[in-house]
N, C-alpha and C. Protein backbone atom coordinates (compact mmCIF):
# COMPACT_ATOMS: atom_id res chain seq x y z
N UNK A 1 100.62 116.22 136.00
CA UNK A 1 99.94 117.83 135.38
C UNK A 1 100.21 118.82 136.10
N UNK A 2 101.47 118.60 137.32
CA UNK A 2 101.29 120.27 138.02
C UNK A 2 102.29 121.20 137.01
N UNK A 3 102.88 120.74 136.03
CA UNK A 3 103.86 121.75 135.40
C UNK A 3 103.28 123.24 134.63
N UNK A 4 103.80 123.85 134.73
CA UNK A 4 103.57 125.10 133.78
C UNK A 4 103.17 125.08 132.57
N UNK A 5 101.80 125.20 132.52
CA UNK A 5 101.87 124.83 130.57
C UNK A 5 100.86 123.81 130.66
N UNK A 6 100.73 122.83 131.39
CA UNK A 6 99.89 121.94 131.19
C UNK A 6 98.53 121.78 131.44
N UNK A 7 97.82 122.97 132.20
CA UNK A 7 96.37 123.03 132.23
C UNK A 7 96.49 123.79 130.65
N UNK A 8 96.74 124.53 130.00
CA UNK A 8 96.66 125.11 128.58
C UNK A 8 96.38 123.75 128.25
N UNK A 9 97.48 123.12 127.83
CA UNK A 9 97.67 122.07 127.01
C UNK A 9 95.84 120.82 126.96
N UNK A 10 95.80 120.54 128.18
CA UNK A 10 94.48 119.85 128.70
C UNK A 10 93.47 120.77 127.81
N UNK A 11 93.25 121.91 128.10
CA UNK A 11 92.00 122.88 127.15
C UNK A 11 92.03 122.79 125.91
N UNK A 12 93.33 122.74 125.61
CA UNK A 12 93.49 122.67 124.03
C UNK A 12 92.74 121.13 123.64
N UNK A 13 93.44 120.14 124.08
CA UNK A 13 92.94 118.82 123.58
C UNK A 13 91.54 118.72 124.02
N UNK A 14 90.93 119.37 124.79
CA UNK A 14 89.47 119.44 125.49
C UNK A 14 88.44 119.72 124.40
N UNK A 15 89.15 121.02 123.55
CA UNK A 15 88.35 121.93 122.45
C UNK A 15 88.40 120.37 121.36
N UNK A 16 89.25 120.09 121.17
CA UNK A 16 89.97 119.35 119.62
C UNK A 16 88.96 117.83 120.16
N UNK A 17 88.34 117.53 121.19
CA UNK A 17 87.39 116.31 121.34
C UNK A 17 86.48 116.66 121.59
N UNK A 18 86.10 118.11 121.00
CA UNK A 18 84.45 118.87 121.00
C UNK A 18 83.95 118.28 122.00
N UNK A 19 84.45 118.91 123.62
CA UNK A 19 83.66 118.53 124.41
C UNK A 19 83.47 119.73 124.74
N UNK A 20 82.64 120.34 125.67
CA UNK A 20 82.02 121.72 126.40
C UNK A 20 82.49 121.88 127.73
N UNK A 21 82.30 121.36 128.54
CA UNK A 21 82.63 121.42 130.04
C UNK A 21 83.86 120.26 130.56
N UNK A 22 85.22 121.05 131.30
CA UNK A 22 85.97 120.16 131.91
C UNK A 22 85.99 120.61 133.53
N UNK A 23 85.73 119.70 134.15
CA UNK A 23 86.35 119.63 135.47
C UNK A 23 87.49 119.43 135.85
N UNK A 24 88.38 120.49 136.30
CA UNK A 24 89.49 120.88 136.49
C UNK A 24 89.75 121.25 138.03
N UNK A 25 90.92 120.96 138.59
CA UNK A 25 91.17 121.24 139.85
C UNK A 25 91.41 122.77 140.36
N UNK A 26 91.69 123.51 139.75
CA UNK A 26 91.73 124.77 139.20
C UNK A 26 90.40 125.96 139.50
N UNK A 27 89.18 124.88 138.82
CA UNK A 27 88.37 125.53 138.95
C UNK A 27 87.65 125.61 140.54
N UNK A 28 86.63 126.68 140.59
CA UNK A 28 85.49 126.66 141.87
C UNK A 28 84.03 125.81 141.22
N UNK A 29 84.22 124.53 141.77
CA UNK A 29 82.75 123.95 141.28
C UNK A 29 82.32 123.25 142.32
N UNK A 30 81.36 122.39 142.11
CA UNK A 30 80.76 121.57 143.29
C UNK A 30 81.44 120.32 143.18
N UNK A 31 82.45 120.02 141.81
CA UNK A 31 83.08 118.55 141.88
C UNK A 31 84.27 118.94 142.66
N UNK A 32 84.55 118.05 143.25
CA UNK A 32 85.92 117.63 143.97
C UNK A 32 86.80 117.06 144.00
N UNK A 33 87.86 117.31 143.03
CA UNK A 33 89.06 116.80 142.81
C UNK A 33 89.95 115.98 143.71
N UNK A 34 90.60 114.60 143.38
CA UNK A 34 90.92 113.67 144.87
C UNK A 34 92.30 112.98 143.62
N UNK A 35 93.31 113.49 144.33
CA UNK A 35 94.74 112.41 144.04
C UNK A 35 94.86 111.38 145.41
N UNK A 36 94.69 110.03 145.08
CA UNK A 36 95.25 109.36 146.16
C UNK A 36 96.32 108.83 145.97
N UNK A 37 97.06 108.24 147.53
CA UNK A 37 98.01 107.51 147.43
C UNK A 37 98.26 106.37 146.69
N UNK A 38 99.70 105.95 146.21
CA UNK A 38 99.46 104.39 145.65
C UNK A 38 98.93 103.15 146.69
N UNK A 39 98.91 102.20 145.70
CA UNK A 39 98.51 101.17 146.64
C UNK A 39 99.59 100.39 147.68
N UNK A 40 101.17 100.80 147.23
CA UNK A 40 102.25 100.74 147.99
C UNK A 40 102.40 101.54 148.83
N UNK A 41 101.90 102.70 149.03
CA UNK A 41 102.04 103.44 150.07
C UNK A 41 102.23 103.49 151.60
N UNK A 42 102.55 104.18 152.36
CA UNK A 42 102.73 103.63 153.72
C UNK A 42 100.88 103.72 154.17
N UNK A 43 100.58 103.12 155.33
CA UNK A 43 99.45 103.03 155.76
C UNK A 43 99.26 104.21 156.00
N UNK A 44 100.14 104.77 156.87
CA UNK A 44 99.50 106.01 157.95
C UNK A 44 99.22 107.16 156.84
N UNK A 45 100.11 107.31 155.67
CA UNK A 45 99.34 108.23 154.62
C UNK A 45 98.13 108.03 153.85
N UNK A 46 97.89 106.49 153.95
CA UNK A 46 96.67 106.44 153.15
C UNK A 46 95.80 106.61 154.11
N UNK A 47 95.97 106.56 155.44
CA UNK A 47 94.71 106.64 156.58
C UNK A 47 94.78 108.09 156.70
N UNK A 48 95.43 108.75 156.65
CA UNK A 48 95.52 110.80 156.44
C UNK A 48 94.47 111.00 155.33
N UNK A 49 94.89 110.22 154.00
CA UNK A 49 94.75 110.72 152.98
C UNK A 49 92.56 110.32 153.22
N UNK A 50 92.48 109.02 153.45
CA UNK A 50 91.04 108.65 153.63
C UNK A 50 90.26 109.37 154.54
N UNK A 51 91.12 109.78 155.78
CA UNK A 51 90.15 110.58 156.94
C UNK A 51 89.93 112.09 156.02
N UNK A 52 91.03 112.65 155.30
CA UNK A 52 90.58 113.85 155.05
C UNK A 52 90.03 113.88 153.63
N UNK A 53 89.85 112.79 152.91
CA UNK A 53 88.68 112.74 151.60
C UNK A 53 87.09 112.96 152.65
N UNK A 54 86.95 111.98 153.64
CA UNK A 54 85.72 112.05 153.70
C UNK A 54 85.38 113.31 154.39
N UNK A 55 86.10 114.08 155.08
CA UNK A 55 86.06 115.18 155.92
C UNK A 55 85.70 116.34 155.05
N UNK A 56 86.19 116.48 154.09
CA UNK A 56 85.93 117.22 152.71
C UNK A 56 84.39 116.84 152.14
N UNK A 57 83.89 115.31 152.09
CA UNK A 57 82.72 115.10 151.97
C UNK A 57 81.69 115.68 152.76
N UNK A 58 82.05 115.45 154.16
CA UNK A 58 81.13 115.91 154.82
C UNK A 58 80.57 117.39 154.96
N UNK A 59 81.50 118.14 155.12
CA UNK A 59 81.65 119.31 154.63
C UNK A 59 80.53 120.05 153.71
N UNK A 60 80.33 119.17 152.83
CA UNK A 60 79.46 119.56 151.62
C UNK A 60 77.75 119.15 152.19
N UNK A 61 76.93 120.26 151.76
CA UNK A 61 75.00 120.17 152.21
C UNK A 61 74.81 118.94 151.54
N UNK A 62 73.75 118.08 152.11
CA UNK A 62 72.88 116.87 151.76
C UNK A 62 72.03 117.50 150.48
N UNK A 63 71.99 118.60 150.36
CA UNK A 63 71.25 118.89 149.26
C UNK A 63 71.97 119.17 147.90
N UNK A 64 73.20 119.51 148.21
CA UNK A 64 74.37 119.79 146.89
C UNK A 64 74.31 118.96 146.32
N UNK A 65 74.30 118.30 145.15
CA UNK A 65 75.12 117.50 144.21
C UNK A 65 76.59 117.21 144.47
N UNK A 66 77.22 115.77 144.89
CA UNK A 66 78.22 115.61 144.59
C UNK A 66 78.72 114.88 143.25
N UNK A 67 79.65 115.41 142.96
CA UNK A 67 80.78 114.71 142.10
C UNK A 67 81.99 114.56 142.42
N UNK A 68 82.79 113.30 142.72
CA UNK A 68 84.15 113.33 142.82
C UNK A 68 84.95 112.48 141.69
N UNK A 69 86.01 113.41 141.07
CA UNK A 69 86.61 112.89 140.13
C UNK A 69 88.17 112.89 140.84
N UNK A 70 89.02 112.34 140.13
CA UNK A 70 90.19 111.63 140.24
C UNK A 70 91.04 110.48 139.93
N UNK A 71 92.49 110.90 140.49
CA UNK A 71 93.43 109.65 140.46
C UNK A 71 93.08 108.80 141.54
N UNK A 72 92.20 107.54 141.75
CA UNK A 72 92.27 107.30 142.98
C UNK A 72 93.32 106.37 143.48
N UNK A 73 93.83 105.68 142.21
CA UNK A 73 94.70 104.47 142.19
C UNK A 73 94.10 103.63 142.61
N UNK A 74 93.25 103.17 141.90
CA UNK A 74 92.11 102.28 142.66
C UNK A 74 91.73 101.08 141.47
N UNK A 75 91.87 99.79 141.56
CA UNK A 75 91.31 98.72 140.80
C UNK A 75 89.94 98.67 141.43
N UNK A 76 89.49 98.31 140.57
CA UNK A 76 87.95 98.04 140.84
C UNK A 76 87.41 96.73 139.90
N UNK A 77 86.48 95.67 140.17
CA UNK A 77 86.62 94.89 139.00
C UNK A 77 84.80 94.29 138.47
N UNK A 78 84.80 93.96 137.64
CA UNK A 78 83.30 93.27 136.67
C UNK A 78 82.30 93.14 137.66
N UNK A 79 82.69 91.89 138.39
CA UNK A 79 81.58 91.40 139.23
C UNK A 79 81.16 92.76 140.63
N UNK A 80 79.88 93.02 140.27
CA UNK A 80 79.46 93.69 141.11
C UNK A 80 78.41 93.32 142.08
N UNK A 81 78.34 91.56 142.11
CA UNK A 81 77.21 90.99 143.43
C UNK A 81 77.57 91.66 144.68
N UNK A 82 76.34 92.05 145.35
CA UNK A 82 76.56 92.58 146.57
C UNK A 82 76.30 93.78 146.58
N UNK A 83 77.13 94.88 145.29
CA UNK A 83 77.24 95.85 145.43
C UNK A 83 76.74 96.51 144.36
N UNK A 84 75.37 96.25 143.75
CA UNK A 84 75.01 96.44 142.59
C UNK A 84 74.61 98.08 143.07
N UNK A 85 74.23 98.67 143.93
CA UNK A 85 74.12 99.81 144.00
C UNK A 85 75.17 101.02 144.05
N UNK A 86 76.38 100.31 143.92
CA UNK A 86 77.74 100.86 143.76
C UNK A 86 78.07 101.18 142.25
N UNK A 87 78.00 100.24 141.86
CA UNK A 87 78.36 99.84 140.63
C UNK A 87 78.13 99.57 139.61
N UNK A 88 78.35 99.39 138.17
CA UNK A 88 77.66 98.32 137.41
C UNK A 88 79.07 96.82 136.86
N UNK A 89 78.82 96.78 135.87
CA UNK A 89 79.57 95.41 135.44
C UNK A 89 80.54 95.65 134.50
N UNK A 90 80.57 97.17 134.05
CA UNK A 90 81.35 97.65 133.10
C UNK A 90 82.86 97.86 133.00
N UNK A 91 83.41 97.65 134.36
CA UNK A 91 84.66 97.83 134.45
C UNK A 91 85.57 97.18 133.67
N UNK A 92 87.11 97.16 134.39
CA UNK A 92 88.33 96.29 133.66
C UNK A 92 88.76 94.96 133.81
N UNK A 93 89.11 95.08 135.27
CA UNK A 93 89.47 94.42 136.11
C UNK A 93 88.90 93.51 136.49
N UNK A 94 89.41 92.00 137.00
CA UNK A 94 88.86 90.91 137.13
C UNK A 94 88.86 91.13 139.12
N UNK A 95 89.94 91.38 139.71
CA UNK A 95 90.41 91.78 141.05
C UNK A 95 90.24 93.15 141.27
N UNK A 96 90.69 93.22 142.50
CA UNK A 96 90.12 94.62 143.30
C UNK A 96 91.45 94.72 144.61
N UNK A 97 92.32 96.28 144.30
CA UNK A 97 93.35 96.21 144.99
C UNK A 97 92.73 96.87 146.20
N UNK A 98 93.58 96.77 147.63
CA UNK A 98 93.49 97.63 148.71
C UNK A 98 92.74 99.06 148.32
N UNK A 99 92.87 99.70 147.54
CA UNK A 99 92.86 100.82 147.13
C UNK A 99 91.13 100.78 146.89
N UNK A 100 91.17 100.11 145.71
CA UNK A 100 90.08 100.01 144.89
C UNK A 100 88.74 99.23 146.22
N UNK A 101 89.09 98.53 146.99
CA UNK A 101 88.14 97.92 147.98
C UNK A 101 87.95 99.54 149.23
N UNK A 102 88.70 99.96 149.38
CA UNK A 102 88.10 101.51 150.05
C UNK A 102 87.44 102.02 149.13
N UNK A 103 87.73 102.47 147.85
CA UNK A 103 86.94 103.33 147.11
C UNK A 103 85.27 103.08 147.38
N UNK A 104 85.40 101.72 146.77
CA UNK A 104 83.82 101.24 147.11
C UNK A 104 83.42 101.75 148.12
N UNK A 105 83.81 101.06 149.61
CA UNK A 105 83.48 101.60 150.56
C UNK A 105 82.88 102.72 150.41
N UNK A 106 83.69 103.85 150.24
CA UNK A 106 83.69 104.88 150.65
C UNK A 106 82.23 105.54 149.71
N UNK A 107 82.37 104.68 148.26
CA UNK A 107 81.14 105.42 147.59
C UNK A 107 80.11 104.94 148.38
N UNK A 108 79.70 103.42 149.18
CA UNK A 108 78.54 103.14 149.70
C UNK A 108 77.97 103.87 150.77
N UNK A 109 79.10 104.33 151.55
CA UNK A 109 79.32 105.08 152.78
C UNK A 109 78.57 106.75 152.24
N UNK A 110 78.78 106.81 150.92
CA UNK A 110 78.35 108.42 151.09
C UNK A 110 77.50 108.49 149.77
N UNK A 111 76.69 106.97 149.31
CA UNK A 111 75.88 107.40 148.60
C UNK A 111 76.40 107.86 147.01
N UNK A 112 77.35 107.11 146.53
CA UNK A 112 77.87 107.69 145.31
C UNK A 112 77.66 106.24 144.48
N UNK A 113 77.92 106.66 143.09
CA UNK A 113 77.97 105.48 142.48
C UNK A 113 78.95 105.70 141.36
N UNK A 114 79.74 104.41 141.22
CA UNK A 114 80.94 104.68 140.20
C UNK A 114 80.32 104.93 138.89
N UNK A 115 80.68 106.11 138.27
CA UNK A 115 80.24 106.22 136.67
C UNK A 115 80.37 105.29 135.42
N UNK A 116 82.05 105.40 135.98
CA UNK A 116 82.59 104.83 134.78
C UNK A 116 82.11 102.64 134.56
N UNK A 117 81.76 102.66 135.68
CA UNK A 117 81.57 101.02 135.47
C UNK A 117 79.75 100.90 135.24
N UNK A 118 79.71 101.84 134.59
CA UNK A 118 77.53 101.26 134.01
C UNK A 118 77.54 101.44 132.68
N UNK A 119 78.94 101.57 131.84
CA UNK A 119 78.68 102.40 130.50
C UNK A 119 79.47 100.80 129.75
N UNK A 120 78.75 100.65 128.75
CA UNK A 120 79.44 99.36 128.09
C UNK A 120 80.33 100.39 126.86
N UNK A 121 81.63 99.97 126.85
CA UNK A 121 82.86 100.60 125.95
C UNK A 121 83.64 99.52 125.62
N UNK A 122 84.51 99.67 124.57
CA UNK A 122 85.53 98.71 124.22
C UNK A 122 86.63 99.03 125.18
N UNK A 123 87.49 98.31 125.52
CA UNK A 123 88.75 98.32 126.49
C UNK A 123 89.41 99.95 126.31
N UNK A 124 89.58 100.07 124.83
CA UNK A 124 90.58 101.56 124.65
C UNK A 124 89.82 102.39 125.30
N UNK A 125 88.47 102.71 125.50
CA UNK A 125 87.97 103.69 126.26
C UNK A 125 87.58 103.57 127.84
N UNK A 126 88.42 102.60 128.31
CA UNK A 126 87.81 102.13 129.70
C UNK A 126 89.50 102.51 130.68
N UNK A 127 90.07 102.34 129.93
CA UNK A 127 91.52 102.31 130.97
C UNK A 127 91.97 103.89 130.71
N UNK A 128 92.31 104.24 131.79
CA UNK A 128 92.79 106.00 131.99
C UNK A 128 94.50 105.86 132.39
N UNK A 129 94.84 104.91 132.57
CA UNK A 129 96.40 105.42 132.68
C UNK A 129 97.30 104.04 131.97
N UNK A 130 98.38 104.40 131.87
CA UNK A 130 99.54 103.33 130.94
C UNK A 130 100.99 103.56 131.50
N UNK A 131 101.36 102.54 132.03
CA UNK A 131 102.41 102.15 132.39
C UNK A 131 103.71 103.12 131.45
N UNK A 132 104.73 103.22 131.99
CA UNK A 132 105.56 104.31 131.56
C UNK A 132 106.26 103.31 130.11
N UNK A 133 106.68 102.37 129.86
CA UNK A 133 106.92 101.59 128.86
C UNK A 133 105.58 100.69 128.24
N UNK A 134 104.30 101.19 128.42
CA UNK A 134 103.24 101.14 127.86
C UNK A 134 102.97 99.52 127.74
N UNK A 135 103.40 98.60 128.83
CA UNK A 135 103.05 97.21 128.70
C UNK A 135 101.87 97.26 129.60
N UNK A 136 101.47 98.12 130.37
CA UNK A 136 100.02 97.83 130.95
C UNK A 136 99.40 98.96 130.89
N UNK A 137 98.17 98.84 131.11
CA UNK A 137 96.99 99.83 130.96
C UNK A 137 95.91 99.27 131.93
N UNK A 138 95.41 99.74 132.70
CA UNK A 138 94.51 99.93 133.92
C UNK A 138 93.61 101.18 134.10
N UNK A 139 92.44 101.10 134.96
CA UNK A 139 91.68 102.07 134.77
C UNK A 139 91.74 102.43 136.38
N UNK A 140 92.55 103.29 136.62
CA UNK A 140 92.75 103.48 138.58
C UNK A 140 91.90 105.26 138.70
N UNK A 141 92.05 106.02 137.31
CA UNK A 141 91.06 107.41 137.89
C UNK A 141 89.46 107.17 137.41
N UNK A 142 88.68 107.28 138.40
CA UNK A 142 87.12 107.11 138.44
C UNK A 142 86.45 108.53 138.67
N UNK A 143 85.32 108.24 138.59
CA UNK A 143 83.92 109.52 138.62
C UNK A 143 83.37 108.75 139.62
N UNK A 144 83.07 109.51 140.54
CA UNK A 144 81.74 108.94 141.34
C UNK A 144 80.73 110.16 141.47
N UNK A 145 79.05 110.35 141.14
CA UNK A 145 78.16 110.72 141.40
C UNK A 145 76.95 110.38 142.42
N UNK A 146 76.31 110.69 142.73
CA UNK A 146 75.50 110.98 143.90
C UNK A 146 74.25 110.03 143.24
N UNK A 147 73.64 108.95 144.05
CA UNK A 147 73.07 107.89 143.58
C UNK A 147 71.65 108.47 143.04
N UNK A 148 70.74 109.53 143.78
CA UNK A 148 69.81 110.09 143.57
C UNK A 148 70.20 111.00 141.81
N UNK A 149 71.09 111.36 141.66
CA UNK A 149 71.19 111.90 140.15
C UNK A 149 71.95 111.00 139.45
N UNK A 150 72.24 109.60 139.84
CA UNK A 150 72.42 108.53 138.37
C UNK A 150 72.00 108.61 137.41
N UNK A 151 70.87 108.56 137.12
CA UNK A 151 70.13 108.69 135.96
C UNK A 151 70.35 109.73 134.82
N UNK A 152 71.23 110.67 135.57
CA UNK A 152 71.31 112.25 134.63
C UNK A 152 72.56 111.60 133.99
N UNK A 153 73.31 110.64 134.59
CA UNK A 153 74.54 110.52 133.45
C UNK A 153 74.40 109.82 132.13
N UNK A 154 74.97 110.36 130.98
CA UNK A 154 74.46 109.83 129.73
C UNK A 154 75.90 109.34 129.01
N UNK A 155 77.22 109.34 129.44
CA UNK A 155 77.83 108.59 129.21
C UNK A 155 79.54 108.82 130.27
N UNK A 156 80.34 108.03 130.43
CA UNK A 156 81.65 107.96 131.30
C UNK A 156 82.57 107.55 130.21
N UNK A 157 83.50 107.78 129.99
CA UNK A 157 84.71 107.24 129.20
C UNK A 157 85.86 107.81 129.16
N UNK A 158 87.02 106.98 128.51
CA UNK A 158 88.18 107.86 128.45
C UNK A 158 88.65 108.32 126.72
N UNK A 159 89.24 109.61 126.60
CA UNK A 159 89.69 109.70 125.79
C UNK A 159 91.26 109.40 125.39
N UNK A 160 91.50 108.83 124.61
CA UNK A 160 93.14 108.40 124.13
C UNK A 160 93.22 108.90 122.91
N UNK A 161 92.92 109.93 122.25
CA UNK A 161 93.11 110.60 121.15
C UNK A 161 93.91 112.29 121.82
N UNK A 162 93.30 112.40 122.93
CA UNK A 162 93.61 114.06 123.53
C UNK A 162 95.14 113.39 124.38
N UNK A 163 96.14 114.42 123.61
CA UNK A 163 97.66 114.74 123.83
C UNK A 163 97.89 115.60 124.85
N UNK A 164 97.48 114.85 126.23
CA UNK A 164 98.09 115.88 127.66
C UNK A 164 99.53 115.56 128.35
N UNK A 165 100.27 114.98 127.58
CA UNK A 165 101.84 114.95 128.13
C UNK A 165 101.75 114.42 129.18
N UNK A 166 100.62 112.98 128.92
CA UNK A 166 100.65 112.44 130.81
C UNK A 166 100.69 110.74 130.42
N UNK A 167 100.95 109.92 131.50
CA UNK A 167 100.28 108.53 130.98
C UNK A 167 99.12 108.26 131.32
N UNK A 168 98.07 109.71 132.16
CA UNK A 168 96.83 109.21 132.01
C UNK A 168 96.19 109.87 130.98
N UNK A 169 94.72 109.44 131.06
CA UNK A 169 94.06 109.89 129.78
C UNK A 169 93.05 110.69 130.37
N UNK A 170 92.44 111.36 129.24
CA UNK A 170 91.37 112.14 129.78
C UNK A 170 89.75 111.31 129.86
N UNK A 171 89.50 111.58 131.21
CA UNK A 171 88.17 110.76 131.78
C UNK A 171 87.09 111.83 131.90
N UNK A 172 85.92 111.77 130.85
CA UNK A 172 85.04 112.46 130.72
C UNK A 172 83.91 111.87 131.30
N UNK A 173 82.91 112.86 131.89
CA UNK A 173 81.48 112.33 132.20
C UNK A 173 80.54 113.03 131.69
N UNK A 174 79.59 112.48 130.74
CA UNK A 174 78.76 113.59 130.24
C UNK A 174 77.26 113.51 131.12
N UNK A 175 76.54 114.42 131.49
CA UNK A 175 75.73 114.82 132.68
C UNK A 175 74.46 115.46 131.87
N UNK A 176 73.84 115.01 131.99
CA UNK A 176 72.09 115.95 131.46
C UNK A 176 71.41 116.37 132.74
N UNK A 177 71.39 117.61 133.18
CA UNK A 177 71.36 118.07 134.31
C UNK A 177 69.63 118.98 134.01
N UNK A 178 68.84 118.64 135.00
CA UNK A 178 67.88 119.60 134.84
C UNK A 178 67.98 120.74 136.23
N UNK A 179 67.96 121.71 136.09
CA UNK A 179 67.91 123.47 136.86
C UNK A 179 66.29 123.64 137.02
N UNK A 180 66.14 123.60 138.59
CA UNK A 180 64.90 124.24 138.84
C UNK A 180 64.40 125.34 138.26
N UNK A 181 63.26 125.66 137.88
CA UNK A 181 63.56 127.26 137.19
C UNK A 181 62.92 128.25 139.33
N UNK A 182 63.63 129.33 139.46
CA UNK A 182 63.78 130.15 140.07
C UNK A 182 62.14 130.43 140.48
N UNK A 183 62.12 130.65 142.15
CA UNK A 183 60.75 131.00 142.41
C UNK A 183 60.36 132.15 142.69
N UNK A 184 59.34 132.78 141.84
CA UNK A 184 59.07 133.95 141.93
C UNK A 184 57.88 134.60 142.92
N UNK A 185 58.34 135.17 143.56
CA UNK A 185 57.23 135.73 144.56
C UNK A 185 56.12 137.01 143.95
N UNK A 186 55.38 136.53 143.16
CA UNK A 186 54.51 137.51 142.49
C UNK A 186 53.14 137.73 143.13
N UNK A 187 52.39 138.73 143.22
CA UNK A 187 51.39 139.20 143.78
C UNK A 187 50.41 139.03 142.91
N UNK A 188 49.30 137.85 143.20
CA UNK A 188 48.42 137.60 141.67
C UNK A 188 47.60 138.61 141.94
N UNK A 189 47.24 138.96 140.89
CA UNK A 189 45.60 139.74 140.79
C UNK A 189 44.25 138.83 141.09
N UNK A 190 43.59 139.18 141.99
CA UNK A 190 42.61 138.53 142.37
C UNK A 190 41.70 138.39 140.90
N UNK A 191 40.94 137.11 140.79
CA UNK A 191 39.96 136.91 140.02
C UNK A 191 38.61 137.54 140.03
N UNK A 192 37.74 138.24 140.04
CA UNK A 192 36.38 138.78 140.20
C UNK A 192 35.08 137.79 139.45
N UNK A 193 34.61 137.06 140.37
CA UNK A 193 33.17 136.62 139.63
C UNK A 193 32.39 137.32 138.86
N UNK A 194 32.72 137.49 137.81
CA UNK A 194 31.64 138.30 137.10
C UNK A 194 30.10 137.76 136.66
N UNK A 195 30.35 136.70 136.88
CA UNK A 195 28.74 135.67 136.81
C UNK A 195 27.76 136.93 137.75
N UNK A 196 28.42 136.78 138.83
CA UNK A 196 27.09 137.37 139.65
C UNK A 196 26.23 138.78 139.36
N UNK A 197 27.05 139.38 138.29
CA UNK A 197 26.12 140.35 137.94
C UNK A 197 25.52 140.25 136.76
N UNK A 198 25.11 139.00 136.40
CA UNK A 198 23.98 138.75 135.69
C UNK A 198 23.07 138.83 136.78
N UNK A 199 22.60 138.85 138.00
CA UNK A 199 21.97 139.14 138.85
C UNK A 199 21.60 140.59 138.87
N UNK A 200 20.44 140.90 138.97
CA UNK A 200 20.17 142.10 139.20
C UNK A 200 20.48 142.76 140.41
N UNK A 201 19.98 142.05 141.59
CA UNK A 201 20.42 142.76 142.70
C UNK A 201 21.64 142.76 143.28
N UNK A 202 22.96 142.25 142.40
CA UNK A 202 24.18 142.16 142.70
C UNK A 202 24.20 143.57 141.77
N UNK A 203 23.71 143.80 140.26
CA UNK A 203 24.40 144.71 139.50
C UNK A 203 24.13 146.29 140.20
N UNK A 204 23.06 146.21 140.75
CA UNK A 204 22.25 147.78 141.65
C UNK A 204 23.33 147.81 142.52
N UNK A 205 24.07 146.77 143.45
CA UNK A 205 24.93 146.82 144.58
C UNK A 205 26.03 147.24 144.11
N UNK A 206 26.57 146.76 143.03
CA UNK A 206 27.77 147.00 142.19
C UNK A 206 27.63 148.65 141.72
N UNK A 207 26.73 149.02 141.18
CA UNK A 207 26.28 150.20 140.52
C UNK A 207 26.45 151.44 141.61
N UNK A 208 26.10 151.16 142.55
CA UNK A 208 25.70 151.83 143.42
C UNK A 208 27.14 152.11 144.60
N UNK A 209 28.20 151.04 144.60
CA UNK A 209 29.54 151.14 145.32
C UNK A 209 30.62 151.50 144.33
N UNK A 210 30.40 151.50 143.00
CA UNK A 210 30.91 152.32 141.98
C UNK A 210 30.85 153.42 142.02
N UNK A 211 29.34 153.86 141.84
CA UNK A 211 29.22 155.76 142.76
C UNK A 211 29.52 156.30 143.40
N UNK A 212 29.61 155.30 144.98
CA UNK A 212 30.34 155.93 145.67
C UNK A 212 31.92 156.22 145.69
N UNK A 213 32.61 154.91 145.18
CA UNK A 213 34.12 155.19 144.84
C UNK A 213 34.61 156.28 144.01
N UNK A 214 33.60 156.59 142.66
CA UNK A 214 34.24 157.72 142.51
C UNK A 214 33.78 159.35 142.68
N UNK A 215 32.92 159.07 143.61
CA UNK A 215 32.63 160.45 144.42
C UNK A 215 33.23 160.74 145.49
N UNK A 216 33.77 159.46 146.41
CA UNK A 216 35.00 159.69 147.17
C UNK A 216 36.19 160.41 147.28
């Protein structure tokens, strides 16, 4: 996806799928895009990646919404026993690789939930990667989002019809966010208790004060 022209192709396919917003690494947004080393990479490289990943997350203010997106080269499992707060049961695999175990721990430590594991779909809309010869299909791309806004997610699925010249599929999350109305510091006009004018003594006092104001 680093080749010239790939971004324009992704955008074109995105429009073809009738999708409105695309999180890309070229954009400046709240979302964080990552690419993890493969499971077979040297431990030193994976350790460096994990440290840099956590540094980036720690720099984001707690009040901000966090969405992590990318190729994590991580296999997670359907069985979510003991980690129900991190993921659902709608993933592809029965097992979890080393990268997957770290990704689950990372999400747990940073109060993120794995969005793709929450929504029931056919397997064709779950896998995000196809081997070069097409013999293997897996979900190694993921989207993690703050647990506090977990209910804003409406759907997470891959789009196999999108032709982006890659062995990865487009992974799309649909969110419904509610923005708070900006606070307005407007001076309110005080309300007067006009019922007091029903009493004669108050009417006389009010009339005297009005004459004084007009004469001054």
